[in-house]
Amino acid sequence: MRWNLRWVAANADVWRPSDLLQACRAAGYSPSLSKVASWWNGTPTSVRLDELDMICTALRCRVDDLLEAEPPASARPAGSDGAAGAPAAPDGGI
């Protein structure tokens, strides 16, 4: 999974963890700053469904904006950077 929190946040004019915390509080949620910073600083290993709902409410987005399915690193072809873009051709690109 690709965690797109910073991209989604930037589209909502949220640039720092403290801004996201304010957006959450304005939406009626009060996570700790350390929780928000953990979401902000990298891909979380787990996120509770109620937390996803809270983030989406605060940023006015959908879950599929935050989480983007991608094959696991072990399933990617060598040299693939996993960047989002045009999908690979199912026949190997021919």
C-alpha atoms as a PDB file:
ATOM      1  CA  MET A   1       0.000   0.000   0.000  1.00  0.00           C
ATOM      2  CA  ARG A   2       1.143   3.496  -0.751  1.00  0.00           C
ATOM      3  CA  TRP A   3       0.323   6.037   1.997  1.00  0.00           C
ATOM      4  CA  ASN A   4      -0.555   9.355   0.342  1.00  0.00           C
ATOM      5  CA  LEU A   5      -1.255  11.430   3.444  1.00  0.00           C
ATOM      6  CA  ARG A   6       1.142  14.262   2.626  1.00  0.00           C
ATOM      7  CA  TRP A   7      -0.149  14.565  -0.943  1.00  0.00           C
ATOM      8  CA  VAL A   8      -3.778  14.606   0.206  1.00  0.00           C
ATOM      9  CA  ALA A   9      -2.916  17.043   3.002  1.00  0.00           C
ATOM     10  CA  ALA A  10      -1.115  19.387   0.587  1.00  0.00           C
ATOM     11  CA  ASN A  11      -4.227  19.431  -1.601  1.00  0.00           C
ATOM     12  CA  ALA A  12      -6.151  20.550   1.494  1.00  0.00           C
ATOM     13  CA  ASP A  13      -3.523  23.242   2.237  1.00  0.00           C
ATOM     14  CA  VAL A  14      -2.234  21.309   5.251  1.00  0.00           C
ATOM     15  CA  TRP A  15       1.565  21.424   5.385  1.00  0.00           C
ATOM     16  CA  ARG A  16       2.630  20.278   8.878  1.00  0.00           C
ATOM     17  CA  PRO A  17       1.532  17.710  11.459  1.00  0.00           C
ATOM     18  CA  SER A  18       0.314  20.556  13.663  1.00  0.00           C
ATOM     19  CA  ASP A  19      -1.900  21.782  10.784  1.00  0.00           C
ATOM     20  CA  LEU A  20      -3.351  18.278  10.441  1.00  0.00           C
ATOM     21  CA  LEU A  21      -3.965  18.185  14.186  1.00  0.00           C
ATOM     22  CA  GLN A  22      -5.882  21.469  13.903  1.00  0.00           C
ATOM     23  CA  ALA A  23      -7.915  20.099  10.978  1.00  0.00           C
ATOM     24  CA  CYS A  24      -8.761  16.984  13.015  1.00  0.00           C
ATOM     25  CA  ARG A  25      -9.822  19.093  15.986  1.00  0.00           C
ATOM     26  CA  ALA A  26     -11.937  21.328  13.754  1.00  0.00           C
ATOM     27  CA  ALA A  27     -13.668  18.159  12.511  1.00  0.00           C
ATOM     28  CA  GLY A  28     -14.415  17.144  16.112  1.00  0.00           C
ATOM     29  CA  TYR A  29     -11.585  14.677  16.713  1.00  0.00           C
ATOM     30  CA  SER A  30      -8.715  15.046  19.174  1.00  0.00           C
ATOM     31  CA  PRO A  31      -5.820  12.691  18.402  1.00  0.00           C
ATOM     32  CA  SER A  32      -2.518  13.300  20.129  1.00  0.00           C
ATOM     33  CA  LEU A  33       0.183  15.226  18.302  1.00  0.00           C
ATOM     34  CA  SER A  34       2.417  12.147  18.517  1.00  0.00           C
ATOM     35  CA  LYS A  35      -0.274  10.067  16.750  1.00  0.00           C
ATOM     36  CA  VAL A  36      -0.639  12.680  14.007  1.00  0.00           C
ATOM     37  CA  ALA A  37       3.153  12.935  13.666  1.00  0.00           C
ATOM     38  CA  SER A  38       3.383   9.150  13.251  1.00  0.00           C
ATOM     39  CA  TRP A  39       0.873   9.317  10.376  1.00  0.00           C
ATOM     40  CA  TRP A  40       2.777  12.233   8.873  1.00  0.00           C
ATOM     41  CA  ASN A  41       6.332  10.906   9.120  1.00  0.00           C
ATOM     42  CA  GLY A  42       5.984   7.687   7.173  1.00  0.00           C
ATOM     43  CA  THR A  43       3.789   4.829   6.140  1.00  0.00           C
ATOM     44  CA  PRO A  44       2.090   3.447   9.241  1.00  0.00           C
ATOM     45  CA  THR A  45       2.142  -0.319   9.683  1.00  0.00           C
ATOM     46  CA  SER A  46      -1.476  -0.143  10.771  1.00  0.00           C
ATOM     47  CA  VAL A  47      -4.222   2.452  10.929  1.00  0.00           C
ATOM     48  CA  ARG A  48      -7.523   1.883  12.676  1.00  0.00           C
ATOM     49  CA  LEU A  49     -10.660   2.331  10.611  1.00  0.00           C
ATOM     50  CA  ASP A  50     -11.934   5.066  12.911  1.00  0.00           C
ATOM     51  CA  GLU A  51      -8.613   6.891  12.441  1.00  0.00           C
ATOM     52  CA  LEU A  52      -8.964   6.654   8.649  1.00  0.00           C
ATOM     53  CA  ASP A  53     -12.468   8.039   8.972  1.00  0.00           C
ATOM     54  CA  MET A  54     -11.157  10.872  11.142  1.00  0.00           C
ATOM     55  CA  ILE A  55      -8.371  11.755   8.685  1.00  0.00           C
ATOM     56  CA  CYS A  56     -10.777  11.680   5.741  1.00  0.00           C
ATOM     57  CA  THR A  57     -13.250  13.914   7.554  1.00  0.00           C
ATOM     58  CA  ALA A  58     -10.513  16.387   8.509  1.00  0.00           C
ATOM     59  CA  LEU A  59      -9.021  16.523   4.988  1.00  0.00           C
ATOM     60  CA  ARG A  60     -12.339  16.135   3.125  1.00  0.00           C
ATOM     61  CA  CYS A  61     -11.051  13.148   1.189  1.00  0.00           C
ATOM     62  CA  ARG A  62     -11.828   9.469   0.685  1.00  0.00           C
ATOM     63  CA  VAL A  63      -9.940   6.426   1.944  1.00  0.00           C
ATOM     64  CA  ASP A  64      -8.840   5.581  -1.599  1.00  0.00           C
ATOM     65  CA  ASP A  65      -7.200   9.028  -1.764  1.00  0.00           C
ATOM     66  CA  LEU A  66      -5.064   8.116   1.268  1.00  0.00           C
ATOM     67  CA  LEU A  67      -4.335   4.488   0.435  1.00  0.00           C
ATOM     68  CA  GLU A  68      -3.261   3.337  -3.004  1.00  0.00           C
ATOM     69  CA  ALA A  69      -2.867  -0.355  -3.720  1.00  0.00           C
ATOM     70  CA  GLU A  70       0.427  -1.391  -5.246  1.00  0.00           C
ATOM     71  CA  PRO A  71       2.109  -4.762  -5.545  1.00  0.00           C
ATOM     72  CA  PRO A  72       4.437  -5.718  -2.715  1.00  0.00           C
ATOM     73  CA  ALA A  73       8.127  -4.990  -3.325  1.00  0.00           C
ATOM     74  CA  SER A  74       8.838  -8.705  -3.799  1.00  0.00           C
ATOM     75  CA  ALA A  75       6.342  -8.849  -6.701  1.00  0.00           C
ATOM     76  CA  ARG A  76       7.670  -5.807  -8.597  1.00  0.00           C
ATOM     77  CA  PRO A  77       9.959  -6.333 -11.586  1.00  0.00           C
ATOM     78  CA  ALA A  78      13.640  -5.502 -11.046  1.00  0.00           C
ATOM     79  CA  GLY A  79      14.323  -1.826 -11.664  1.00  0.00           C
ATOM     80  CA  SER A  80      10.750  -0.793 -10.963  1.00  0.00           C
ATOM     81  CA  ASP A  81      10.483   2.211  -8.690  1.00  0.00           C
ATOM     82  CA  GLY A  82       6.822   1.541  -7.904  1.00  0.00           C
ATOM     83  CA  ALA A  83       5.891   5.066  -8.939  1.00  0.00           C
ATOM     84  CA  ALA A  84       2.283   5.749  -9.703  1.00  0.00           C
ATOM     85  CA  GLY A  85       1.521   6.308 -13.326  1.00  0.00           C
ATOM     86  CA  ALA A  86       0.195   4.426 -16.276  1.00  0.00           C
ATOM     87  CA  PRO A  87      -0.528   0.799 -15.444  1.00  0.00           C
ATOM     88  CA  ALA A  88       1.793  -1.790 -16.903  1.00  0.00           C
ATOM     89  CA  ALA A  89       0.494  -3.709 -19.884  1.00  0.00           C
ATOM     90  CA  PRO A  90      -0.797  -7.126 -18.753  1.00  0.00           C
ATOM     91  CA  ASP A  91       1.098  -8.842 -21.592  1.00  0.00           C
ATOM     92  CA  GLY A  92       4.478  -7.511 -20.449  1.00  0.00           C
ATOM     93  CA  GLY A  93       4.314  -4.284 -22.439  1.00  0.00           C
ATOM     94  CA  ILE A  94       4.115  -5.716 -25.941  1.00  0.00           C
END
